[in-house]
C-alpha atoms as a PDB file:
ATOM      1  CA  MET A   1     113.926  -3.943  32.420  1.00  0.00           C
ATOM      2  CA  HIS A   2     111.160  -5.034  35.286  1.00  0.00           C
ATOM      3  CA  ASN A   3     110.311  -8.351  34.607  1.00  0.00           C
ATOM      4  CA  MET A   4     106.867  -7.923  33.324  1.00  0.00           C
ATOM      5  CA  GLY A   5     108.467  -5.224  31.296  1.00  0.00           C
ATOM      6  CA  MET A   6     107.983  -1.964  33.208  1.00  0.00           C
ATOM      7  CA  ARG A   7     110.887  -1.373  34.731  1.00  0.00           C
ATOM      8  CA  LEU A   8     113.339   1.263  34.050  1.00  0.00           C
ATOM      9  CA  ALA A   9     110.384   2.076  30.938  1.00  0.00           C
ATOM     10  CA  LEU A  10     110.877   5.544  32.177  1.00  0.00           C
ATOM     11  CA  ALA A  11     113.815   8.146  32.797  1.00  0.00           C
ATOM     12  CA  GLY A  12     114.583   8.217  36.395  1.00  0.00           C
ATOM     13  CA  LEU A  13     111.170   6.483  36.850  1.00  0.00           C
ATOM     14  CA  VAL A  14     111.015   5.022  40.399  1.00  0.00           C
ATOM     15  CA  LEU A  15     108.761   2.137  39.872  1.00  0.00           C
ATOM     16  CA  ALA A  16     106.487   1.000  43.461  1.00  0.00           C
ATOM     17  CA  LEU A  17     104.884  -1.711  43.612  1.00  0.00           C
ATOM     18  CA  ILE A  18     103.718 -15.408  47.576  1.00  0.00           C
ATOM     19  CA  GLY A  19     106.616 -18.537  46.605  1.00  0.00           C
ATOM     20  CA  CYS A  20     106.571 -21.179  49.795  1.00  0.00           C
ATOM     21  CA  SER A  21     104.778 -24.181  49.101  1.00  0.00           C
ATOM     22  CA  ASP A  22     104.808 -25.449  53.065  1.00  0.00           C
ATOM     23  CA  ARG A  23     101.774 -24.830  55.051  1.00  0.00           C
ATOM     24  CA  ALA A  24     102.587 -23.271  58.282  1.00  0.00           C
ATOM     25  CA  MET A  25     100.971 -20.757  60.702  1.00  0.00           C
ATOM     26  CA  LEU A  26     103.069 -17.699  61.527  1.00  0.00           C
ATOM     27  CA  GLU A  27     103.276 -15.640  65.005  1.00  0.00           C
ATOM     28  CA  PRO A  28     101.721 -12.287  65.402  1.00  0.00           C
ATOM     29  CA  MET A  29     103.533  -9.273  66.099  1.00  0.00           C
ATOM     30  CA  GLU A  30     102.738  -6.594  68.381  1.00  0.00           C
ATOM     31  CA  ALA A  31     100.549  -4.153  67.319  1.00  0.00           C
ATOM     32  CA  THR A  32     101.882  -0.169  67.181  1.00  0.00           C
ATOM     33  CA  VAL A  33      99.899   2.331  66.611  1.00  0.00           C
ATOM     34  CA  THR A  34     101.315   5.603  64.029  1.00  0.00           C
ATOM     35  CA  PRO A  35     100.513   9.339  65.354  1.00  0.00           C
ATOM     36  CA  THR A  36      98.340   9.115  61.723  1.00  0.00           C
ATOM     37  CA  GLY A  37      95.738   6.817  62.398  1.00  0.00           C
ATOM     38  CA  TRP A  38      97.396   3.767  60.992  1.00  0.00           C
ATOM     39  CA  THR A  39      98.635   0.676  62.927  1.00  0.00           C
ATOM     40  CA  ALA A  40     101.488  -1.399  61.694  1.00  0.00           C
ATOM     41  CA  ARG A  41     100.169  -5.726  61.967  1.00  0.00           C
ATOM     42  CA  ALA A  42     101.564  -8.580  61.107  1.00  0.00           C
ATOM     43  CA  PRO A  43     103.690  -8.554  58.195  1.00  0.00           C
ATOM     44  CA  MET A  44     102.940 -11.186  55.228  1.00  0.00           C
ATOM     45  CA  PRO A  45     105.137 -14.482  55.471  1.00  0.00           C
ATOM     46  CA  THR A  46     106.166 -13.700  51.921  1.00  0.00           C
ATOM     47  CA  ALA A  47     107.794 -10.081  50.793  1.00  0.00           C
ATOM     48  CA  ARG A  48     106.540  -9.256  47.355  1.00  0.00           C
ATOM     49  CA  GLY A  49     104.642  -6.444  45.303  1.00  0.00           C
ATOM     50  CA  SER A  50     101.830  -6.572  42.118  1.00  0.00           C
ATOM     51  CA  LEU A  51     100.004  -8.785  44.313  1.00  0.00           C
ATOM     52  CA  ALA A  52      95.684  -9.184  44.176  1.00  0.00           C
ATOM     53  CA  THR A  53      94.161  -8.972  47.382  1.00  0.00           C
ATOM     54  CA  ALA A  54      90.162 -10.491  48.409  1.00  0.00           C
ATOM     55  CA  VAL A  55      88.349 -11.209  51.458  1.00  0.00           C
ATOM     56  CA  VAL A  56      86.740 -14.523  52.162  1.00  0.00           C
ATOM     57  CA  ASN A  57      84.767 -15.333  54.914  1.00  0.00           C
ATOM     58  CA  GLY A  58      86.710 -12.533  57.165  1.00  0.00           C
ATOM     59  CA  VAL A  59      89.442 -13.732  56.392  1.00  0.00           C
ATOM     60  CA  LEU A  60      91.588 -11.508  53.812  1.00  0.00           C
ATOM     61  CA  TYR A  61      93.816 -12.963  51.189  1.00  0.00           C
ATOM     62  CA  ALA A  62      96.879 -12.330  49.739  1.00  0.00           C
ATOM     63  CA  VAL A  63      97.057 -14.076  45.902  1.00  0.00           C
ATOM     64  CA  GLY A  64     100.270 -14.156  43.781  1.00  0.00           C
ATOM     65  CA  GLY A  65     102.448 -10.851  43.177  1.00  0.00           C
ATOM     66  CA  GLU A  66     106.084 -10.641  42.655  1.00  0.00           C
ATOM     67  CA  ALA A  67     109.423 -10.669  43.713  1.00  0.00           C
ATOM     68  CA  PRO A  68     110.531 -10.217  41.038  1.00  0.00           C
ATOM     69  CA  SER A  69     109.421 -13.210  39.563  1.00  0.00           C
ATOM     70  CA  ALA A  70     105.986 -14.041  39.639  1.00  0.00           C
ATOM     71  CA  LEU A  71     105.016 -16.158  41.921  1.00  0.00           C
ATOM     72  CA  ALA A  72     101.631 -18.788  42.832  1.00  0.00           C
ATOM     73  CA  THR A  73     102.133 -18.116  46.622  1.00  0.00           C
ATOM     74  CA  VAL A  74      98.722 -17.559  48.393  1.00  0.00           C
ATOM     75  CA  GLU A  75      98.677 -16.244  52.336  1.00  0.00           C
ATOM     76  CA  ALA A  76      95.855 -15.477  53.877  1.00  0.00           C
ATOM     77  CA  TYR A  77      95.309 -13.223  57.239  1.00  0.00           C
ATOM     78  CA  THR A  78      92.882 -13.478  60.269  1.00  0.00           C
ATOM     79  CA  PRO A  79      92.409 -10.500  62.054  1.00  0.00           C
ATOM     80  CA  GLY A  80      91.538 -11.589  65.269  1.00  0.00           C
ATOM     81  CA  ASN A  81      94.687 -13.284  66.284  1.00  0.00           C
ATOM     82  CA  ASP A  82      97.021 -11.135  63.416  1.00  0.00           C
ATOM     83  CA  ARG A  83      98.375 -14.391  61.842  1.00  0.00           C
ATOM     84  CA  TRP A  84      98.990 -15.426  58.514  1.00  0.00           C
ATOM     85  CA  THR A  85      98.224 -18.763  57.043  1.00  0.00           C
ATOM     86  CA  VAL A  86     100.071 -20.120  54.412  1.00  0.00           C
ATOM     87  CA  LYS A  87      97.448 -21.565  51.334  1.00  0.00           C
ATOM     88  CA  ALA A  88      97.527 -23.653  48.448  1.00  0.00           C
ATOM     89  CA  PRO A  89      99.250 -21.391  45.886  1.00  0.00           C
ATOM     90  CA  LEU A  90      97.774 -21.071  42.231  1.00  0.00           C
ATOM     91  CA  PRO A  91      97.520 -23.159  39.820  1.00  0.00           C
ATOM     92  CA  ALA A  92     100.042 -20.834  37.975  1.00  0.00           C
ATOM     93  CA  ALA A  93     102.446 -17.676  39.337  1.00  0.00           C
ATOM     94  CA  ARG A  94     100.593 -14.725  38.397  1.00  0.00           C
ATOM     95  CA  ALA A  95     101.634 -11.062  38.423  1.00  0.00           C
ATOM     96  CA  HIS A  96      99.763  -7.960  38.303  1.00  0.00           C
ATOM     97  CA  LEU A  97      96.542 -10.018  38.733  1.00  0.00           C
ATOM     98  CA  ASN A  98      93.213  -9.184  39.485  1.00  0.00           C
ATOM     99  CA  ALA A  99      90.357 -10.959  42.088  1.00  0.00           C
ATOM    100  CA  GLY A 100      87.006 -10.925  43.029  1.00  0.00           C
ATOM    101  CA  VAL A 101      85.062 -12.689  45.417  1.00  0.00           C
ATOM    102  CA  ILE A 102      81.253 -14.292  44.454  1.00  0.00           C
ATOM    103  CA  GLY A 103      79.537 -16.734  46.847  1.00  0.00           C
ATOM    104  CA  ASN A 104      82.224 -17.477  48.922  1.00  0.00           C
ATOM    105  CA  VAL A 105      84.655 -18.438  45.864  1.00  0.00           C
ATOM    106  CA  LEU A 106      87.886 -16.094  45.185  1.00  0.00           C
ATOM    107  CA  TYR A 107      88.564 -15.690  41.942  1.00  0.00           C
ATOM    108  CA  ALA A 108      91.805 -14.729  40.589  1.00  0.00           C
ATOM    109  CA  ALA A 109      91.937 -13.030  37.002  1.00  0.00           C
ATOM    110  CA  GLY A 110      94.516 -12.464  34.242  1.00  0.00           C
ATOM    111  CA  GLY A 111      97.835 -10.854  35.025  1.00  0.00           C
ATOM    112  CA  LEU A 112     101.624 -11.799  33.781  1.00  0.00           C
ATOM    113  CA  ASP A 113     102.726 -15.116  33.827  1.00  0.00           C
ATOM    114  CA  ALA A 114     106.166 -16.538  35.015  1.00  0.00           C
ATOM    115  CA  SER A 115     107.844 -15.686  31.730  1.00  0.00           C
ATOM    116  CA  GLY A 116     105.980 -12.166  31.800  1.00  0.00           C
ATOM    117  CA  GLN A 117     103.192 -12.932  29.245  1.00  0.00           C
ATOM    118  CA  PRO A 118      99.630 -11.654  29.461  1.00  0.00           C
ATOM    119  CA  SER A 119      97.537 -14.207  30.652  1.00  0.00           C
ATOM    120  CA  ALA A 120      93.644 -15.026  30.386  1.00  0.00           C
ATOM    121  CA  THR A 121      93.415 -17.729  32.956  1.00  0.00           C
ATOM    122  CA  LEU A 122      90.737 -17.414  35.223  1.00  0.00           C
ATOM    123  CA  PHE A 123      90.838 -19.184  39.331  1.00  0.00           C
ATOM    124  CA  ALA A 124      89.004 -19.815  41.476  1.00  0.00           C
ATOM    125  CA  TYR A 125      89.468 -20.990  45.096  1.00  0.00           C
ATOM    126  CA  ASP A 126      86.956 -22.698  47.469  1.00  0.00           C
ATOM    127  CA  ALA A 127      88.269 -21.580  51.022  1.00  0.00           C
ATOM    128  CA  SER A 128      86.546 -24.675  52.527  1.00  0.00           C
ATOM    129  CA  THR A 129      89.196 -27.003  50.937  1.00  0.00           C
ATOM    130  CA  ASP A 130      91.618 -24.826  49.879  1.00  0.00           C
ATOM    131  CA  SER A 131      91.578 -26.288  46.265  1.00  0.00           C
ATOM    132  CA  TRP A 132      91.896 -23.884  43.136  1.00  0.00           C
ATOM    133  CA  THR A 133      89.775 -24.771  40.004  1.00  0.00           C
ATOM    134  CA  SER A 134      90.527 -23.699  36.819  1.00  0.00           C
ATOM    135  CA  LYS A 135      87.241 -21.405  34.786  1.00  0.00           C
ATOM    136  CA  ALA A 136      86.840 -20.340  31.268  1.00  0.00           C
ATOM    137  CA  SER A 137      89.449 -17.829  30.522  1.00  0.00           C
ATOM    138  CA  MET A 138      89.025 -13.943  29.365  1.00  0.00           C
ATOM    139  CA  PRO A 139      88.104 -13.205  25.543  1.00  0.00           C
ATOM    140  CA  THR A 140      91.147 -10.922  26.103  1.00  0.00           C
ATOM    141  CA  ALA A 141      94.940 -11.422  28.140  1.00  0.00           C
ATOM    142  CA  GLY A 142      95.716  -8.894  30.186  1.00  0.00           C
ATOM    143  CA  GLY A 143      96.617  -7.438  33.352  1.00  0.00           C
ATOM    144  CA  CYS A 144      97.664  -4.438  35.415  1.00  0.00           C
ATOM    145  CA  GLY A 145      94.260  -3.198  35.438  1.00  0.00           C
ATOM    146  CA  ALA A 146      91.792  -3.094  38.446  1.00  0.00           C
ATOM    147  CA  SER A 147      88.511  -5.162  39.543  1.00  0.00           C
ATOM    148  CA  GLY A 148      85.398  -5.492  41.309  1.00  0.00           C
ATOM    149  CA  VAL A 149      82.291  -6.930  42.160  1.00  0.00           C
ATOM    150  CA  ILE A 150      78.509  -5.882  41.017  1.00  0.00           C
ATOM    151  CA  ASP A 151      75.430  -8.251  41.256  1.00  0.00           C
ATOM    152  CA  ASP A 152      77.384 -11.128  41.931  1.00  0.00           C
ATOM    153  CA  ARG A 153      78.938 -11.225  38.697  1.00  0.00           C
ATOM    154  CA  LEU A 154      83.295 -10.008  38.062  1.00  0.00           C
ATOM    155  CA  TYR A 155      84.078  -6.891  36.468  1.00  0.00           C
ATOM    156  CA  VAL A 156      88.021  -6.811  35.144  1.00  0.00           C
ATOM    157  CA  PHE A 157      89.285  -4.261  33.389  1.00  0.00           C
ATOM    158  CA  THR A 158      93.064  -4.919  31.825  1.00  0.00           C
ATOM    159  CA  THR A 159      96.013  -3.492  29.562  1.00  0.00           C
ATOM    160  CA  GLU A 160      98.998  -4.811  27.769  1.00  0.00           C
ATOM    161  CA  CYS A 161     100.982  -4.608  31.116  1.00  0.00           C
ATOM    162  CA  SER A 162     104.211  -3.583  28.947  1.00  0.00           C
ATOM    163  CA  GLU A 163     106.464  -0.501  28.889  1.00  0.00           C
ATOM    164  CA  SER A 164     106.202  -0.259  25.316  1.00  0.00           C
ATOM    165  CA  GLY A 165     102.324   0.088  25.374  1.00  0.00           C
ATOM    166  CA  LEU A 166     101.743   2.269  28.662  1.00  0.00           C
ATOM    167  CA  GLY A 167      98.376   0.313  28.991  1.00  0.00           C
ATOM    168  CA  ALA A 168      97.700  -0.467  25.028  1.00  0.00           C
ATOM    169  CA  ASP A 169      95.332  -3.284  24.595  1.00  0.00           C
ATOM    170  CA  PRO A 170      93.111  -2.304  27.052  1.00  0.00           C
ATOM    171  CA  ALA A 171      90.360  -4.721  27.722  1.00  0.00           C
ATOM    172  CA  PHE A 172      86.921  -4.700  29.629  1.00  0.00           C
ATOM    173  CA  GLN A 173      85.256  -7.661  30.504  1.00  0.00           C
ATOM    174  CA  ARG A 174      82.650  -9.037  32.962  1.00  0.00           C
ATOM    175  CA  TYR A 175      82.448 -13.259  34.096  1.00  0.00           C
ATOM    176  CA  ASP A 176      79.484 -14.686  35.591  1.00  0.00           C
ATOM    177  CA  PRO A 177      79.826 -17.627  37.340  1.00  0.00           C
ATOM    178  CA  ARG A 178      76.323 -18.901  36.874  1.00  0.00           C
ATOM    179  CA  THR A 179      77.319 -19.514  33.269  1.00  0.00           C
ATOM    180  CA  ASP A 180      80.637 -19.653  33.857  1.00  0.00           C
ATOM    181  CA  SER A 181      81.133 -17.540  30.819  1.00  0.00           C
ATOM    182  CA  TRP A 182      82.749 -14.311  29.660  1.00  0.00           C
ATOM    183  CA  THR A 183      81.048 -10.825  27.954  1.00  0.00           C
ATOM    184  CA  THR A 184      83.025  -7.942  26.655  1.00  0.00           C
ATOM    185  CA  LEU A 185      82.113  -4.878  27.746  1.00  0.00           C
ATOM    186  CA  THR A 186      82.292  -1.150  26.683  1.00  0.00           C
ATOM    187  CA  LEU A 187      86.051   0.415  26.883  1.00  0.00           C
ATOM    188  CA  PRO A 188      86.388   3.834  29.385  1.00  0.00           C
ATOM    189  CA  THR A 189      87.462   7.040  27.709  1.00  0.00           C
ATOM    190  CA  TRP A 190      90.767   7.378  29.477  1.00  0.00           C
ATOM    191  CA  GLY A 191      93.868   4.770  29.047  1.00  0.00           C
ATOM    192  CA  HIS A 192      94.370   3.555  33.145  1.00  0.00           C
ATOM    193  CA  PHE A 193      97.621   1.568  33.410  1.00  0.00           C
ATOM    194  CA  LEU A 194      98.032   0.358  36.630  1.00  0.00           C
ATOM    195  CA  PRO A 195      94.767   2.330  37.816  1.00  0.00           C
ATOM    196  CA  ALA A 196      92.974   1.907  41.372  1.00  0.00           C
ATOM    197  CA  GLY A 197      89.514   0.752  41.229  1.00  0.00           C
ATOM    198  CA  GLY A 198      86.616  -1.011  42.409  1.00  0.00           C
ATOM    199  CA  ALA A 199      83.137  -1.193  42.573  1.00  0.00           C
ATOM    200  CA  SER A 200      80.134   0.327  44.930  1.00  0.00           C
ATOM    201  CA  GLY A 201      76.688   1.584  44.759  1.00  0.00           C
ATOM    202  CA  GLY A 202      76.053  -0.539  41.868  1.00  0.00           C
ATOM    203  CA  LYS A 203      78.770   1.453  39.578  1.00  0.00           C
ATOM    204  CA  PHE A 204      82.386   0.263  38.642  1.00  0.00           C
ATOM    205  CA  TYR A 205      85.146   3.294  38.943  1.00  0.00           C
ATOM    206  CA  LEU A 206      88.780   3.413  37.483  1.00  0.00           C
ATOM    207  CA  ALA A 207      90.906   6.739  39.156  1.00  0.00           C
ATOM    208  CA  GLY A 208      94.150   7.670  37.758  1.00  0.00           C
ATOM    209  CA  GLY A 209      97.023   5.316  36.174  1.00  0.00           C
ATOM    210  CA  LEU A 210      99.106   6.228  33.324  1.00  0.00           C
ATOM    211  CA  PHE A 211      97.772   6.863  29.856  1.00  0.00           C
ATOM    212  CA  GLU A 212      98.892   6.654  26.501  1.00  0.00           C
ATOM    213  CA  THR A 213     100.865   9.793  25.219  1.00  0.00           C
ATOM    214  CA  SER A 214     104.084  10.660  23.213  1.00  0.00           C
ATOM    215  CA  ASP A 215     105.675  11.687  26.152  1.00  0.00           C
ATOM    216  CA  PRO A 216     106.233   9.184  28.851  1.00  0.00           C
ATOM    217  CA  ILE A 217     106.641  11.006  31.399  1.00  0.00           C
ATOM    218  CA  GLY A 218     103.847  13.476  31.216  1.00  0.00           C
ATOM    219  CA  ASN A 219     101.126  11.133  30.728  1.00  0.00           C
ATOM    220  CA  ILE A 220     100.048   9.932  34.998  1.00  0.00           C
ATOM    221  CA  GLY A 221      96.398  10.713  34.357  1.00  0.00           C
ATOM    222  CA  GLN A 222      93.981  12.235  37.600  1.00  0.00           C
ATOM    223  CA  ASN A 223      91.181  11.214  35.538  1.00  0.00           C
ATOM    224  CA  VAL A 224      88.182   9.273  37.180  1.00  0.00           C
ATOM    225  CA  GLU A 225      85.273   7.379  35.670  1.00  0.00           C
ATOM    226  CA  ALA A 226      82.022   5.008  36.361  1.00  0.00           C
ATOM    227  CA  TYR A 227      80.859   2.068  34.102  1.00  0.00           C
ATOM    228  CA  ASP A 228      76.809   1.558  34.629  1.00  0.00           C
ATOM    229  CA  PRO A 229      76.329  -1.781  33.484  1.00  0.00           C
ATOM    230  CA  ALA A 230      72.396  -1.260  33.137  1.00  0.00           C
ATOM    231  CA  THR A 231      73.295   1.435  29.979  1.00  0.00           C
ATOM    232  CA  ASP A 232      77.070   0.018  29.560  1.00  0.00           C
ATOM    233  CA  THR A 233      78.360   3.294  29.601  1.00  0.00           C
ATOM    234  CA  TRP A 234      81.256   5.034  31.328  1.00  0.00           C
ATOM    235  CA  THR A 235      80.977   8.645  32.935  1.00  0.00           C
ATOM    236  CA  THR A 236      83.472  11.064  33.916  1.00  0.00           C
ATOM    237  CA  ARG A 237      84.056  11.787  37.595  1.00  0.00           C
ATOM    238  CA  ALA A 238      85.575  14.298  39.802  1.00  0.00           C
ATOM    239  CA  GLN A 239      89.028  14.035  39.311  1.00  0.00           C
ATOM    240  CA  ALA A 240      91.085  12.593  41.557  1.00  0.00           C
ATOM    241  CA  PRO A 241      93.176  14.917  43.925  1.00  0.00           C
ATOM    242  CA  SER A 242      96.734  13.192  43.368  1.00  0.00           C
ATOM    243  CA  VAL A 243      98.361  12.568  40.295  1.00  0.00           C
ATOM    244  CA  ARG A 244      99.852   8.657  40.762  1.00  0.00           C
ATOM    245  CA  TYR A 245      99.480   5.425  39.194  1.00  0.00           C
ATOM    246  CA  GLN A 246     100.824   1.936  40.801  1.00  0.00           C
ATOM    247  CA  ASP A 247      98.128   2.608  43.978  1.00  0.00           C
ATOM    248  CA  ALA A 248      95.570   0.602  44.669  1.00  0.00           C
ATOM    249  CA  GLY A 249      91.940   0.885  45.765  1.00  0.00           C
ATOM    250  CA  ALA A 250      89.246  -1.171  48.013  1.00  0.00           C
ATOM    251  CA  VAL A 251      85.966   0.135  48.605  1.00  0.00           C
ATOM    252  CA  LEU A 252      85.012   0.771  52.473  1.00  0.00           C
ATOM    253  CA  LYS A 253      81.381   1.184  53.458  1.00  0.00           C
ATOM    254  CA  GLY A 254      80.926   2.266  50.212  1.00  0.00           C
ATOM    255  CA  LEU A 255      83.883   4.742  49.303  1.00  0.00           C
ATOM    256  CA  LEU A 256      86.795   4.151  47.383  1.00  0.00           C
ATOM    257  CA  TYR A 257      89.707   4.407  48.872  1.00  0.00           C
ATOM    258  CA  VAL A 258      92.773   5.092  46.952  1.00  0.00           C
ATOM    259  CA  VAL A 259      96.210   4.762  49.266  1.00  0.00           C
ATOM    260  CA  GLY A 260     100.308   4.440  47.903  1.00  0.00           C
ATOM    261  CA  GLY A 261     101.685   4.338  44.273  1.00  0.00           C
ATOM    262  CA  GLY A 262     103.618   6.804  42.355  1.00  0.00           C
ATOM    263  CA  THR A 263     104.403   9.469  40.444  1.00  0.00           C
ATOM    264  CA  GLY A 264     106.990   8.845  38.564  1.00  0.00           C
ATOM    265  CA  THR A 265     109.741   9.934  40.434  1.00  0.00           C
ATOM    266  CA  GLU A 266     109.094   9.156  43.718  1.00  0.00           C
ATOM    267  CA  PHE A 267     106.527   6.264  45.928  1.00  0.00           C
ATOM    268  CA  GLN A 268     103.540   7.759  47.752  1.00  0.00           C
ATOM    269  CA  ALA A 269     102.270   7.606  51.004  1.00  0.00           C
ATOM    270  CA  ILE A 270      99.197   9.037  50.081  1.00  0.00           C
ATOM    271  CA  LEU A 271      95.321   7.766  51.332  1.00  0.00           C
ATOM    272  CA  ASP A 272      92.555   9.534  48.839  1.00  0.00           C
ATOM    273  CA  VAL A 273      89.008   8.564  49.579  1.00  0.00           C
ATOM    274  CA  TYR A 274      86.302   9.174  47.313  1.00  0.00           C
ATOM    275  CA  ASN A 275      82.593   9.450  48.051  1.00  0.00           C
ATOM    276  CA  PRO A 276      80.542   8.261  44.922  1.00  0.00           C
ATOM    277  CA  ARG A 277      77.167   9.662  46.506  1.00  0.00           C
ATOM    278  CA  THR A 278      78.409  13.275  46.600  1.00  0.00           C
ATOM    279  CA  ASN A 279      81.243  12.408  43.647  1.00  0.00           C
ATOM    280  CA  ALA A 280      84.025  14.305  45.729  1.00  0.00           C
ATOM    281  CA  TRP A 281      87.618  13.440  46.969  1.00  0.00           C
ATOM    282  CA  ARG A 282      89.394  13.491  50.329  1.00  0.00           C
ATOM    283  CA  THR A 283      92.792  13.349  51.344  1.00  0.00           C
ATOM    284  CA  LEU A 284      93.113  11.321  54.402  1.00  0.00           C
ATOM    285  CA  ASN A 285      96.132  10.921  56.711  1.00  0.00           C
ATOM    286  CA  ASN A 286      99.257   8.897  54.687  1.00  0.00           C
ATOM    287  CA  MET A 287     100.237   5.933  55.942  1.00  0.00           C
ATOM    288  CA  PRO A 288     103.345   4.967  57.442  1.00  0.00           C
ATOM    289  CA  THR A 289     105.442   3.339  54.483  1.00  0.00           C
ATOM    290  CA  ALA A 290     105.304   4.991  50.949  1.00  0.00           C
ATOM    291  CA  ARG A 291     105.543   2.326  48.543  1.00  0.00           C
ATOM    292  CA  GLY A 292     103.353   1.561  45.131  1.00  0.00           C
ATOM    293  CA  PHE A 293     102.511  -1.858  43.231  1.00  0.00           C
ATOM    294  CA  LEU A 294     100.912  -2.880  46.778  1.00  0.00           C
ATOM    295  CA  GLY A 295      97.368  -4.581  47.204  1.00  0.00           C
ATOM    296  CA  ALA A 296      94.352  -2.860  49.384  1.00  0.00           C
ATOM    297  CA  GLY A 297      91.486  -4.691  51.173  1.00  0.00           C
ATOM    298  CA  SER A 298      88.910  -3.756  53.359  1.00  0.00           C
ATOM    299  CA  LEU A 299      87.877  -6.302  56.109  1.00  0.00           C
ATOM    300  CA  GLY A 300      86.370  -5.277  59.751  1.00  0.00           C
ATOM    301  CA  GLY A 301      85.538  -1.319  59.067  1.00  0.00           C
ATOM    302  CA  LYS A 302      89.611  -1.103  58.757  1.00  0.00           C
ATOM    303  CA  LEU A 303      91.471  -0.779  55.388  1.00  0.00           C
ATOM    304  CA  TYR A 304      94.411  -3.245  55.092  1.00  0.00           C
ATOM    305  CA  ALA A 305      97.596  -2.280  52.600  1.00  0.00           C
ATOM    306  CA  LEU A 306      99.999  -5.440  52.196  1.00  0.00           C
ATOM    307  CA  GLY A 307     103.245  -5.361  50.411  1.00  0.00           C
ATOM    308  CA  GLY A 308     104.774  -3.238  47.594  1.00  0.00           C
ATOM    309  CA  GLU A 309     107.786  -2.286  46.319  1.00  0.00           C
ATOM    310  CA  THR A 310     110.057   1.109  47.952  1.00  0.00           C
ATOM    311  CA  ASP A 311     113.260   2.516  46.843  1.00  0.00           C
ATOM    312  CA  ASP A 312     114.463  -0.619  49.428  1.00  0.00           C
ATOM    313  CA  GLY A 313     112.970  -2.976  47.081  1.00  0.00           C
ATOM    314  CA  PHE A 314     109.489  -5.248  47.777  1.00  0.00           C
ATOM    315  CA  VAL A 315     108.255  -5.262  51.398  1.00  0.00           C
ATOM    316  CA  ALA A 316     106.109  -7.314  53.566  1.00  0.00           C
ATOM    317  CA  THR A 317     104.441  -4.630  55.176  1.00  0.00           C
ATOM    318  CA  ASN A 318     100.645  -5.102  56.370  1.00  0.00           C
ATOM    319  CA  GLU A 319      99.296  -1.698  57.966  1.00  0.00           C
ATOM    320  CA  VAL A 320      95.702  -0.646  58.521  1.00  0.00           C
ATOM    321  CA  TYR A 321      94.113   2.036  58.748  1.00  0.00           C
ATOM    322  CA  THR A 322      90.995   2.737  60.846  1.00  0.00           C
ATOM    323  CA  PRO A 323      88.694   5.408  59.271  1.00  0.00           C
ATOM    324  CA  GLY A 324      87.553   8.592  61.738  1.00  0.00           C
ATOM    325  CA  GLN A 325      91.301   8.187  63.887  1.00  0.00           C
END
């Protein structure tokens, strides 16, 4: 069984989705451009999946994850010199956590701890001092969800994160750093276990993921929902073109990019993009490495797909997509 209670949960299912304490600068690698418009860049120092990503001051952070146990490792990537730097670790190991940045502070919420149990912790990272502090815990512990920032508040969707639950006990919560407090919000209509998500145009989006049914093989959804903070309500949006979960989402120039993941039988390299203004999806060029449980982030007009899990195990892969190529 997956150490968070997911591995071998479904018959024949191939599940897809940092650990180094010394601070060090890693040498860059020579970039190679693929025919699909994707570029391979310097891999993360630590191979892992189930990580969170966030951008602070032009630097991309890879936070936590598993390989296969939960990790406290934090590593930062600078695109200009194609280098990774090891940063101060999380106060505690976390996998399947969520992250967001408010006022140049990186927040890491929830996830699963080193024993695979759901956590409600919220850690805040100050890049200027390379240090973490603890903030108010979430009302409901959980992970395996998605997060986004709207109007300087962190929105976090989580589920139970276990093979028996498959998205049971969902929670949708909002953190306000000005008061160091959480608010419990209305749940989405559908279950979204290991979905893609992000915030754009003042709304929070969840795309796909597993949902609870009596048939564990037939419950991968294409359902997409948008949350409006002004009314505390969810609205159904156009279905995603690809059936998958274990994928990653990132917002770039107002568009939600969804990359990688799994179908329940194989890993995916698919890249889809959603335009909230037109409520329409497009399928773009596949990334070079099919994988799930990866992290995704946007920086400098590019989409980064980090780490994850393949048929051969955990990877440190860093592949970058430039829209329009």
